[in-house]
Amino acid sequence: MARDEVTSVKPARTDTGHSAETAAATPDVGGSTQRRVALITGATCGIGAATALLLGRRGYRVAVHHDRSPAEADHIASRIADYGGDALTVSADLAVPGEVSAMVETITRRWGTVEVLVHAARLPHVRGAFSEIRLDQLEHAVAQELRAAYLVTKAVNPAMTARGYGRLVYLSTAHSRSPAGLRIIEGTAQAALDQFVRHIAQELAPHGITANVVAPGNVAGIDAHGAKWSDDELWVLGTANTEARPVLPGDVARTIAFFAGDDCVITTGHRAAIDTGLAAR
């Protein structure tokens, strides 16, 4: 058993019932999805948007979550529709229990049970050295990270458990294990998320539910300190096969898609580092 895998999962019951976009936009048909219902938090940009587009192309019915970005959410949903997919935009402040519950109820009324949750919403974290940060900043970051993950998981879990099938995927960061300058708050908060997922993976495995973490390194266009990459630059970088090649949103999306799919049967409690092999050094 791999170090990061918690336990095996009961086989699931069969149920019949460029930019971030460009990186996920090439045809990429994976295993059977059976028109599964997927909720992607933070789906208006970056990795969340790339994941929503990729799953939409693969036949999932995708709920595109946003907090205060309706235009961006509509754009992602329309792109999915252009591919012949089915998408719904939903809004919620992930720190507010009532809004999270209402969001899941909206999806359920439209399509039925949420079978896949990809929690890709990224919270902003203060950067600074340990000597500079305050205790309340660290406490707030950890609390907010866990609050959002707890609330969205709590909202979808009962129906997944009743169905005997579920896929939970959480977006973390390489810095939860690999310290980096000025990222002590982010790394600590994401490390708490990683451990939260390991615990729920173990608890939910007997119900046919997997829970995994995807932890990318610096992602082009997201972690480049505000640097903007043109579509042509992203395309070149995305096709390069070198150690210097940065991770693209579409790279992360494809790993998320595996964890979100029917082929991910017994892999749970796992943390996948997406960093062009740098973690192997």
C-alpha atoms as a PDB file:
ATOM      1  CA  MET A   1       0.000   0.000   0.000  1.00  0.00           C
ATOM      2  CA  ALA A   2       1.319   3.446  -0.880  1.00  0.00           C
ATOM      3  CA  ARG A   3       2.339   5.608   2.035  1.00  0.00           C
ATOM      4  CA  ASP A   4      -0.368   8.152   1.367  1.00  0.00           C
ATOM      5  CA  GLU A   5      -3.250   5.697   0.878  1.00  0.00           C
ATOM      6  CA  VAL A   6      -5.444   5.222   3.906  1.00  0.00           C
ATOM      7  CA  THR A   7      -7.559   2.190   3.130  1.00  0.00           C
ATOM      8  CA  SER A   8      -9.365   0.414   0.349  1.00  0.00           C
ATOM      9  CA  VAL A   9     -12.827   1.422  -0.790  1.00  0.00           C
ATOM     10  CA  LYS A  10     -15.865  -0.757  -1.210  1.00  0.00           C
ATOM     11  CA  PRO A  11     -16.538  -1.256  -4.943  1.00  0.00           C
ATOM     12  CA  ALA A  12     -19.095   1.308  -6.032  1.00  0.00           C
ATOM     13  CA  ARG A  13     -22.616   0.326  -6.993  1.00  0.00           C
ATOM     14  CA  THR A  14     -23.397   0.901 -10.648  1.00  0.00           C
ATOM     15  CA  ASP A  15     -25.620   3.931 -10.994  1.00  0.00           C
ATOM     16  CA  THR A  16     -27.490   4.593 -14.221  1.00  0.00           C
ATOM     17  CA  GLY A  17     -29.567   7.247 -12.663  1.00  0.00           C
ATOM     18  CA  HIS A  18      -2.976  28.762 -23.612  1.00  0.00           C
ATOM     19  CA  SER A  19      -5.272  29.980 -20.671  1.00  0.00           C
ATOM     20  CA  ALA A  20      -6.932  27.883 -17.980  1.00  0.00           C
ATOM     21  CA  GLU A  21      -9.535  27.059 -20.594  1.00  0.00           C
ATOM     22  CA  THR A  22      -7.127  26.219 -23.400  1.00  0.00           C
ATOM     23  CA  ALA A  23      -5.113  23.920 -21.188  1.00  0.00           C
ATOM     24  CA  ALA A  24      -8.147  21.662 -20.745  1.00  0.00           C
ATOM     25  CA  ALA A  25      -9.846  22.202 -24.061  1.00  0.00           C
ATOM     26  CA  THR A  26      -8.330  19.526 -26.269  1.00  0.00           C
ATOM     27  CA  PRO A  27     -10.540  16.430 -26.673  1.00  0.00           C
ATOM     28  CA  ASP A  28      -9.617  14.069 -23.862  1.00  0.00           C
ATOM     29  CA  VAL A  29     -12.111  11.286 -23.345  1.00  0.00           C
ATOM     30  CA  GLY A  30     -11.496   9.205 -20.244  1.00  0.00           C
ATOM     31  CA  GLY A  31     -13.344   6.284 -18.665  1.00  0.00           C
ATOM     32  CA  SER A  32     -17.098   6.007 -18.326  1.00  0.00           C
ATOM     33  CA  THR A  33     -18.693   8.852 -16.414  1.00  0.00           C
ATOM     34  CA  GLN A  34     -22.320   7.746 -16.772  1.00  0.00           C
ATOM     35  CA  ARG A  35     -23.316  11.437 -16.895  1.00  0.00           C
ATOM     36  CA  ARG A  36     -22.240  11.902 -13.312  1.00  0.00           C
ATOM     37  CA  VAL A  37     -23.084  15.129 -11.507  1.00  0.00           C
ATOM     38  CA  ALA A  38     -20.026  17.155 -10.490  1.00  0.00           C
ATOM     39  CA  LEU A  39     -19.780  20.287  -8.360  1.00  0.00           C
ATOM     40  CA  ILE A  40     -16.608  22.307  -8.938  1.00  0.00           C
ATOM     41  CA  THR A  41     -15.985  25.038  -6.384  1.00  0.00           C
ATOM     42  CA  GLY A  42     -13.902  27.989  -7.506  1.00  0.00           C
ATOM     43  CA  ALA A  43     -14.713  27.102 -11.108  1.00  0.00           C
ATOM     44  CA  THR A  44     -14.437  30.565 -12.676  1.00  0.00           C
ATOM     45  CA  CYS A  45     -10.672  30.691 -13.188  1.00  0.00           C
ATOM     46  CA  GLY A  46      -7.417  28.794 -13.062  1.00  0.00           C
ATOM     47  CA  ILE A  47      -7.461  25.159 -12.040  1.00  0.00           C
ATOM     48  CA  GLY A  48     -11.162  25.192 -11.152  1.00  0.00           C
ATOM     49  CA  ALA A  49     -12.099  26.481 -14.606  1.00  0.00           C
ATOM     50  CA  ALA A  50      -9.786  24.017 -16.347  1.00  0.00           C
ATOM     51  CA  THR A  51     -11.335  21.174 -14.366  1.00  0.00           C
ATOM     52  CA  ALA A  52     -14.899  22.261 -15.105  1.00  0.00           C
ATOM     53  CA  LEU A  53     -14.147  22.450 -18.824  1.00  0.00           C
ATOM     54  CA  LEU A  54     -12.410  19.088 -18.898  1.00  0.00           C
ATOM     55  CA  LEU A  55     -15.140  17.272 -16.982  1.00  0.00           C
ATOM     56  CA  GLY A  56     -17.750  18.941 -19.173  1.00  0.00           C
ATOM     57  CA  ARG A  57     -15.999  17.575 -22.257  1.00  0.00           C
ATOM     58  CA  ARG A  58     -15.939  14.131 -20.676  1.00  0.00           C
ATOM     59  CA  GLY A  59     -19.686  14.053 -20.218  1.00  0.00           C
ATOM     60  CA  TYR A  60     -20.175  15.160 -16.635  1.00  0.00           C
ATOM     61  CA  ARG A  61     -23.030  17.450 -15.739  1.00  0.00           C
ATOM     62  CA  VAL A  62     -21.050  20.295 -14.215  1.00  0.00           C
ATOM     63  CA  ALA A  63     -22.164  22.759 -11.553  1.00  0.00           C
ATOM     64  CA  VAL A  64     -19.896  25.796 -11.972  1.00  0.00           C
ATOM     65  CA  HIS A  65     -19.555  27.461  -8.581  1.00  0.00           C
ATOM     66  CA  HIS A  66     -18.702  31.091  -8.029  1.00  0.00           C
ATOM     67  CA  ASP A  67     -18.872  33.455  -5.088  1.00  0.00           C
ATOM     68  CA  ARG A  68     -19.138  36.900  -6.657  1.00  0.00           C
ATOM     69  CA  SER A  69     -18.193  36.269 -10.299  1.00  0.00           C
ATOM     70  CA  PRO A  70     -21.427  35.521 -12.203  1.00  0.00           C
ATOM     71  CA  ALA A  71     -20.104  36.708 -15.574  1.00  0.00           C
ATOM     72  CA  GLU A  72     -17.058  34.448 -15.353  1.00  0.00           C
ATOM     73  CA  ALA A  73     -19.199  31.490 -14.262  1.00  0.00           C
ATOM     74  CA  ASP A  74     -21.604  32.059 -17.157  1.00  0.00           C
ATOM     75  CA  HIS A  75     -18.644  32.118 -19.537  1.00  0.00           C
ATOM     76  CA  ILE A  76     -17.325  28.744 -18.315  1.00  0.00           C
ATOM     77  CA  ALA A  77     -20.834  27.252 -18.461  1.00  0.00           C
ATOM     78  CA  SER A  78     -21.296  28.511 -22.011  1.00  0.00           C
ATOM     79  CA  ARG A  79     -17.970  26.974 -23.054  1.00  0.00           C
ATOM     80  CA  ILE A  80     -19.139  23.630 -21.673  1.00  0.00           C
ATOM     81  CA  ALA A  81     -22.378  23.999 -23.616  1.00  0.00           C
ATOM     82  CA  ASP A  82     -20.330  24.719 -26.750  1.00  0.00           C
ATOM     83  CA  TYR A  83     -18.734  21.302 -26.285  1.00  0.00           C
ATOM     84  CA  GLY A  84     -22.214  19.746 -26.129  1.00  0.00           C
ATOM     85  CA  GLY A  85     -22.072  19.435 -22.355  1.00  0.00           C
ATOM     86  CA  ASP A  86     -24.530  20.329 -19.617  1.00  0.00           C
ATOM     87  CA  ALA A  87     -23.632  23.031 -17.092  1.00  0.00           C
ATOM     88  CA  LEU A  88     -25.299  24.996 -14.316  1.00  0.00           C
ATOM     89  CA  THR A  89     -23.929  28.053 -12.526  1.00  0.00           C
ATOM     90  CA  VAL A  90     -24.341  28.177  -8.751  1.00  0.00           C
ATOM     91  CA  SER A  91     -23.325  30.787  -6.226  1.00  0.00           C
ATOM     92  CA  ALA A  92     -22.384  30.477  -2.560  1.00  0.00           C
ATOM     93  CA  ASP A  93     -20.095  31.963   0.036  1.00  0.00           C
ATOM     94  CA  LEU A  94     -18.371  28.750   1.156  1.00  0.00           C
ATOM     95  CA  ALA A  95     -18.007  30.105   4.697  1.00  0.00           C
ATOM     96  CA  VAL A  96     -21.788  30.384   5.152  1.00  0.00           C
ATOM     97  CA  PRO A  97     -23.546  27.081   5.970  1.00  0.00           C
ATOM     98  CA  GLY A  98     -26.956  28.130   4.634  1.00  0.00           C
ATOM     99  CA  GLU A  99     -25.555  29.251   1.292  1.00  0.00           C
ATOM    100  CA  VAL A 100     -23.594  26.021   0.826  1.00  0.00           C
ATOM    101  CA  SER A 101     -26.644  23.896   1.636  1.00  0.00           C
ATOM    102  CA  ALA A 102     -28.828  25.926  -0.723  1.00  0.00           C
ATOM    103  CA  MET A 103     -26.265  25.531  -3.508  1.00  0.00           C
ATOM    104  CA  VAL A 104     -26.251  21.737  -3.195  1.00  0.00           C
ATOM    105  CA  GLU A 105     -30.054  21.666  -3.028  1.00  0.00           C
ATOM    106  CA  THR A 106     -30.215  23.671  -6.268  1.00  0.00           C
ATOM    107  CA  ILE A 107     -27.986  21.138  -8.028  1.00  0.00           C
ATOM    108  CA  THR A 108     -29.933  18.204  -6.607  1.00  0.00           C
ATOM    109  CA  ARG A 109     -33.255  19.607  -7.806  1.00  0.00           C
ATOM    110  CA  ARG A 110     -31.803  20.024 -11.300  1.00  0.00           C
ATOM    111  CA  TRP A 111     -29.888  16.781 -11.779  1.00  0.00           C
ATOM    112  CA  GLY A 112     -30.086  14.625  -8.658  1.00  0.00           C
ATOM    113  CA  THR A 113     -27.336  13.655  -6.233  1.00  0.00           C
ATOM    114  CA  VAL A 114     -23.966  15.382  -6.430  1.00  0.00           C
ATOM    115  CA  GLU A 115     -21.671  12.416  -7.063  1.00  0.00           C
ATOM    116  CA  VAL A 116     -18.392  14.287  -7.537  1.00  0.00           C
ATOM    117  CA  LEU A 117     -17.104  17.209  -5.488  1.00  0.00           C
ATOM    118  CA  VAL A 118     -13.986  19.013  -6.647  1.00  0.00           C
ATOM    119  CA  HIS A 119     -13.147  21.601  -4.030  1.00  0.00           C
ATOM    120  CA  ALA A 120     -10.874  23.891  -6.048  1.00  0.00           C
ATOM    121  CA  ALA A 121     -11.785  27.238  -4.486  1.00  0.00           C
ATOM    122  CA  ARG A 122      -8.594  29.019  -3.474  1.00  0.00           C
ATOM    123  CA  LEU A 123      -8.578  31.332  -0.496  1.00  0.00           C
ATOM    124  CA  PRO A 124      -6.197  34.302  -0.459  1.00  0.00           C
ATOM    125  CA  HIS A 125      -3.441  33.940   2.125  1.00  0.00           C
ATOM    126  CA  VAL A 126      -1.175  36.590   3.570  1.00  0.00           C
ATOM    127  CA  ARG A 127       2.489  36.068   2.747  1.00  0.00           C
ATOM    128  CA  GLY A 128       5.218  36.919   5.188  1.00  0.00           C
ATOM    129  CA  ALA A 129       8.037  35.557   7.309  1.00  0.00           C
ATOM    130  CA  PHE A 130       7.266  33.971  10.682  1.00  0.00           C
ATOM    131  CA  SER A 131       8.797  37.011  12.373  1.00  0.00           C
ATOM    132  CA  GLU A 132       6.273  39.239  10.576  1.00  0.00           C
ATOM    133  CA  ILE A 133       2.958  37.356  10.712  1.00  0.00           C
ATOM    134  CA  ARG A 134       0.436  37.623  13.528  1.00  0.00           C
ATOM    135  CA  LEU A 135      -1.220  34.760  15.380  1.00  0.00           C
ATOM    136  CA  ASP A 136      -4.691  35.889  14.330  1.00  0.00           C
ATOM    137  CA  GLN A 137      -3.658  35.743  10.660  1.00  0.00           C
ATOM    138  CA  LEU A 138      -2.498  32.145  11.022  1.00  0.00           C
ATOM    139  CA  GLU A 139      -5.578  31.124  13.003  1.00  0.00           C
ATOM    140  CA  HIS A 140      -7.910  32.764  10.492  1.00  0.00           C
ATOM    141  CA  ALA A 141      -6.279  31.045   7.527  1.00  0.00           C
ATOM    142  CA  VAL A 142      -6.476  27.576   9.075  1.00  0.00           C
ATOM    143  CA  ALA A 143     -10.039  28.115  10.253  1.00  0.00           C
ATOM    144  CA  GLN A 144     -11.277  29.420   6.882  1.00  0.00           C
ATOM    145  CA  GLU A 145      -9.563  26.662   4.909  1.00  0.00           C
ATOM    146  CA  LEU A 146     -11.116  23.958   7.067  1.00  0.00           C
ATOM    147  CA  ARG A 147     -14.481  25.695   7.309  1.00  0.00           C
ATOM    148  CA  ALA A 148     -14.991  25.748   3.542  1.00  0.00           C
ATOM    149  CA  ALA A 149     -13.836  22.140   3.093  1.00  0.00           C
ATOM    150  CA  TYR A 150     -15.988  20.974   5.993  1.00  0.00           C
ATOM    151  CA  LEU A 151     -19.145  22.729   4.813  1.00  0.00           C
ATOM    152  CA  VAL A 152     -19.054  21.571   1.185  1.00  0.00           C
ATOM    153  CA  THR A 153     -18.175  18.019   2.222  1.00  0.00           C
ATOM    154  CA  LYS A 154     -20.900  17.967   4.857  1.00  0.00           C
ATOM    155  CA  ALA A 155     -23.448  19.160   2.291  1.00  0.00           C
ATOM    156  CA  VAL A 156     -22.764  16.416  -0.275  1.00  0.00           C
ATOM    157  CA  ASN A 157     -21.814  13.489   1.946  1.00  0.00           C
ATOM    158  CA  PRO A 158     -25.247  12.241   3.131  1.00  0.00           C
ATOM    159  CA  ALA A 159     -26.559  11.662  -0.393  1.00  0.00           C
ATOM    160  CA  MET A 160     -23.261  10.115  -1.516  1.00  0.00           C
ATOM    161  CA  THR A 161     -23.348   7.736   1.443  1.00  0.00           C
ATOM    162  CA  ALA A 162     -26.954   6.772   0.741  1.00  0.00           C
ATOM    163  CA  ARG A 163     -26.081   6.087  -2.912  1.00  0.00           C
ATOM    164  CA  GLY A 164     -22.935   4.153  -2.091  1.00  0.00           C
ATOM    165  CA  TYR A 165     -20.822   6.209  -4.464  1.00  0.00           C
ATOM    166  CA  GLY A 166     -18.870   9.433  -4.261  1.00  0.00           C
ATOM    167  CA  ARG A 167     -15.687  11.137  -5.384  1.00  0.00           C
ATOM    168  CA  LEU A 168     -14.181  13.921  -3.277  1.00  0.00           C
ATOM    169  CA  VAL A 169     -11.158  15.806  -4.611  1.00  0.00           C
ATOM    170  CA  TYR A 170      -9.489  18.727  -2.843  1.00  0.00           C
ATOM    171  CA  LEU A 171      -7.024  21.234  -4.232  1.00  0.00           C
ATOM    172  CA  SER A 172      -4.049  21.837  -1.945  1.00  0.00           C
ATOM    173  CA  THR A 173      -0.516  23.051  -2.642  1.00  0.00           C
ATOM    174  CA  ALA A 174       3.023  21.730  -2.726  1.00  0.00           C
ATOM    175  CA  HIS A 175       3.775  24.117   0.126  1.00  0.00           C
ATOM    176  CA  SER A 176       1.744  22.005   2.570  1.00  0.00           C
ATOM    177  CA  ARG A 177       4.809  19.725   2.676  1.00  0.00           C
ATOM    178  CA  SER A 178       7.577  21.716   1.052  1.00  0.00           C
ATOM    179  CA  PRO A 179       8.222  25.002   2.865  1.00  0.00           C
ATOM    180  CA  ALA A 180       8.774  28.027   0.674  1.00  0.00           C
ATOM    181  CA  GLY A 181       9.706  31.582   1.439  1.00  0.00           C
ATOM    182  CA  LEU A 182       6.973  33.701   2.999  1.00  0.00           C
ATOM    183  CA  ARG A 183       4.331  30.940   2.627  1.00  0.00           C
ATOM    184  CA  ILE A 184       4.113  29.725   6.209  1.00  0.00           C
ATOM    185  CA  ILE A 185       0.434  30.714   6.511  1.00  0.00           C
ATOM    186  CA  GLU A 186      -0.626  29.094   3.238  1.00  0.00           C
ATOM    187  CA  GLY A 187       1.451  25.961   3.857  1.00  0.00           C
ATOM    188  CA  THR A 188       0.118  25.484   7.370  1.00  0.00           C
ATOM    189  CA  ALA A 189      -3.513  26.005   6.351  1.00  0.00           C
ATOM    190  CA  GLN A 190      -3.192  23.601   3.418  1.00  0.00           C
ATOM    191  CA  ALA A 191      -1.442  21.021   5.594  1.00  0.00           C
ATOM    192  CA  ALA A 192      -4.497  21.085   7.852  1.00  0.00           C
ATOM    193  CA  LEU A 193      -6.668  20.488   4.776  1.00  0.00           C
ATOM    194  CA  ASP A 194      -4.481  17.541   3.723  1.00  0.00           C
ATOM    195  CA  GLN A 195      -4.923  15.872   7.104  1.00  0.00           C
ATOM    196  CA  PHE A 196      -8.676  16.548   7.131  1.00  0.00           C
ATOM    197  CA  VAL A 197      -8.967  14.678   3.832  1.00  0.00           C
ATOM    198  CA  ARG A 198      -7.002  11.685   5.125  1.00  0.00           C
ATOM    199  CA  HIS A 199      -9.433  11.305   8.002  1.00  0.00           C
ATOM    200  CA  ILE A 200     -12.593  11.540   5.916  1.00  0.00           C
ATOM    201  CA  ALA A 201     -11.069   9.169   3.353  1.00  0.00           C
ATOM    202  CA  GLN A 202     -10.737   6.502   6.010  1.00  0.00           C
ATOM    203  CA  GLU A 203     -14.194   7.091   7.423  1.00  0.00           C
ATOM    204  CA  LEU A 204     -16.050   7.201   4.104  1.00  0.00           C
ATOM    205  CA  ALA A 205     -14.243   4.363   2.308  1.00  0.00           C
ATOM    206  CA  PRO A 206     -16.737   1.674   3.414  1.00  0.00           C
ATOM    207  CA  HIS A 207     -19.492   3.703   1.701  1.00  0.00           C
ATOM    208  CA  GLY A 208     -17.868   3.657  -1.750  1.00  0.00           C
ATOM    209  CA  ILE A 209     -16.577   7.222  -1.394  1.00  0.00           C
ATOM    210  CA  THR A 210     -12.992   8.184  -2.193  1.00  0.00           C
ATOM    211  CA  ALA A 211     -11.288  11.354  -0.977  1.00  0.00           C
ATOM    212  CA  ASN A 212      -7.989  12.579  -2.390  1.00  0.00           C
ATOM    213  CA  VAL A 213      -5.808  15.676  -2.493  1.00  0.00           C
ATOM    214  CA  VAL A 214      -4.123  17.178  -5.551  1.00  0.00           C
ATOM    215  CA  ALA A 215      -1.174  19.376  -4.608  1.00  0.00           C
ATOM    216  CA  PRO A 216       0.391  21.330  -7.496  1.00  0.00           C
ATOM    217  CA  GLY A 217       3.571  23.312  -7.352  1.00  0.00           C
ATOM    218  CA  ASN A 218       3.645  26.799  -8.834  1.00  0.00           C
ATOM    219  CA  VAL A 219       1.088  26.942 -11.637  1.00  0.00           C
ATOM    220  CA  ALA A 220       1.674  29.137 -14.680  1.00  0.00           C
ATOM    221  CA  GLY A 221      -0.682  32.097 -14.728  1.00  0.00           C
ATOM    222  CA  ILE A 222      -1.677  31.549 -11.093  1.00  0.00           C
ATOM    223  CA  ASP A 223       1.436  31.507  -8.908  1.00  0.00           C
ATOM    224  CA  ALA A 224       3.738  33.621 -11.037  1.00  0.00           C
ATOM    225  CA  HIS A 225       3.347  36.726  -8.864  1.00  0.00           C
ATOM    226  CA  GLY A 226       0.896  38.305 -11.276  1.00  0.00           C
ATOM    227  CA  ALA A 227       2.819  37.471 -14.463  1.00  0.00           C
ATOM    228  CA  LYS A 228       0.533  37.023 -17.455  1.00  0.00           C
ATOM    229  CA  TRP A 229       1.152  34.298 -20.007  1.00  0.00           C
ATOM    230  CA  SER A 230      -0.107  34.580 -23.570  1.00  0.00           C
ATOM    231  CA  ASP A 231      -1.990  31.689 -25.148  1.00  0.00           C
ATOM    232  CA  ASP A 232       1.018  30.983 -27.372  1.00  0.00           C
ATOM    233  CA  GLU A 233       3.412  30.965 -24.435  1.00  0.00           C
ATOM    234  CA  LEU A 234       1.174  28.591 -22.465  1.00  0.00           C
ATOM    235  CA  TRP A 235       0.896  26.292 -25.482  1.00  0.00           C
ATOM    236  CA  VAL A 236       4.695  26.103 -25.870  1.00  0.00           C
ATOM    237  CA  LEU A 237       5.204  25.564 -22.165  1.00  0.00           C
ATOM    238  CA  GLY A 238       2.470  22.947 -22.087  1.00  0.00           C
ATOM    239  CA  THR A 239       4.095  20.839 -24.807  1.00  0.00           C
ATOM    240  CA  ALA A 240       7.636  21.134 -23.490  1.00  0.00           C
ATOM    241  CA  ASN A 241       8.908  18.040 -21.691  1.00  0.00           C
ATOM    242  CA  THR A 242      11.600  19.518 -19.521  1.00  0.00           C
ATOM    243  CA  GLU A 243      12.225  19.873 -15.849  1.00  0.00           C
ATOM    244  CA  ALA A 244      11.926  23.645 -16.257  1.00  0.00           C
ATOM    245  CA  ARG A 245       8.395  23.395 -17.698  1.00  0.00           C
ATOM    246  CA  PRO A 246       5.905  24.994 -15.308  1.00  0.00           C
ATOM    247  CA  VAL A 247       2.745  23.213 -14.262  1.00  0.00           C
ATOM    248  CA  LEU A 248      -0.332  24.346 -16.221  1.00  0.00           C
ATOM    249  CA  PRO A 249      -3.949  24.400 -14.986  1.00  0.00           C
ATOM    250  CA  GLY A 250      -4.781  21.661 -17.483  1.00  0.00           C
ATOM    251  CA  ASP A 251      -2.084  19.381 -16.014  1.00  0.00           C
ATOM    252  CA  VAL A 252      -3.721  19.633 -12.624  1.00  0.00           C
ATOM    253  CA  ALA A 253      -7.191  19.210 -14.121  1.00  0.00           C
ATOM    254  CA  ARG A 254      -6.256  15.902 -15.730  1.00  0.00           C
ATOM    255  CA  THR A 255      -5.072  14.491 -12.403  1.00  0.00           C
ATOM    256  CA  ILE A 256      -8.232  15.746 -10.722  1.00  0.00           C
ATOM    257  CA  ALA A 257     -10.253  14.057 -13.478  1.00  0.00           C
ATOM    258  CA  PHE A 258      -8.746  10.685 -12.595  1.00  0.00           C
ATOM    259  CA  PHE A 259      -9.611  11.059  -8.924  1.00  0.00           C
ATOM    260  CA  ALA A 260     -13.108  12.220  -9.939  1.00  0.00           C
ATOM    261  CA  GLY A 261     -13.734   9.277 -12.251  1.00  0.00           C
ATOM    262  CA  ASP A 262     -15.150   5.785 -12.054  1.00  0.00           C
ATOM    263  CA  ASP A 263     -11.679   4.293 -12.521  1.00  0.00           C
ATOM    264  CA  CYS A 264     -10.582   5.661  -9.135  1.00  0.00           C
ATOM    265  CA  VAL A 265     -12.006   2.742  -7.194  1.00  0.00           C
ATOM    266  CA  ILE A 266      -9.563   1.954  -4.382  1.00  0.00           C
ATOM    267  CA  THR A 267      -7.243   4.964  -4.354  1.00  0.00           C
ATOM    268  CA  THR A 268      -8.223   7.102  -1.397  1.00  0.00           C
ATOM    269  CA  GLY A 269      -6.486   9.201   1.220  1.00  0.00           C
ATOM    270  CA  HIS A 270      -3.828   9.964  -1.377  1.00  0.00           C
ATOM    271  CA  ARG A 271      -1.960  13.219  -2.004  1.00  0.00           C
ATOM    272  CA  ALA A 272      -0.795  13.660  -5.589  1.00  0.00           C
ATOM    273  CA  ALA A 273       2.024  16.150  -6.119  1.00  0.00           C
ATOM    274  CA  ILE A 274       1.850  17.845  -9.539  1.00  0.00           C
ATOM    275  CA  ASP A 275       5.255  19.430 -10.033  1.00  0.00           C
ATOM    276  CA  THR A 276       6.975  17.964 -13.157  1.00  0.00           C
ATOM    277  CA  GLY A 277       8.863  15.506 -10.983  1.00  0.00           C
ATOM    278  CA  LEU A 278      10.567  17.965  -8.662  1.00  0.00           C
ATOM    279  CA  ALA A 279       9.184  16.160  -5.585  1.00  0.00           C
ATOM    280  CA  ALA A 280      11.144  13.065  -6.597  1.00  0.00           C
ATOM    281  CA  ARG A 281      14.462  14.812  -6.082  1.00  0.00           C
END
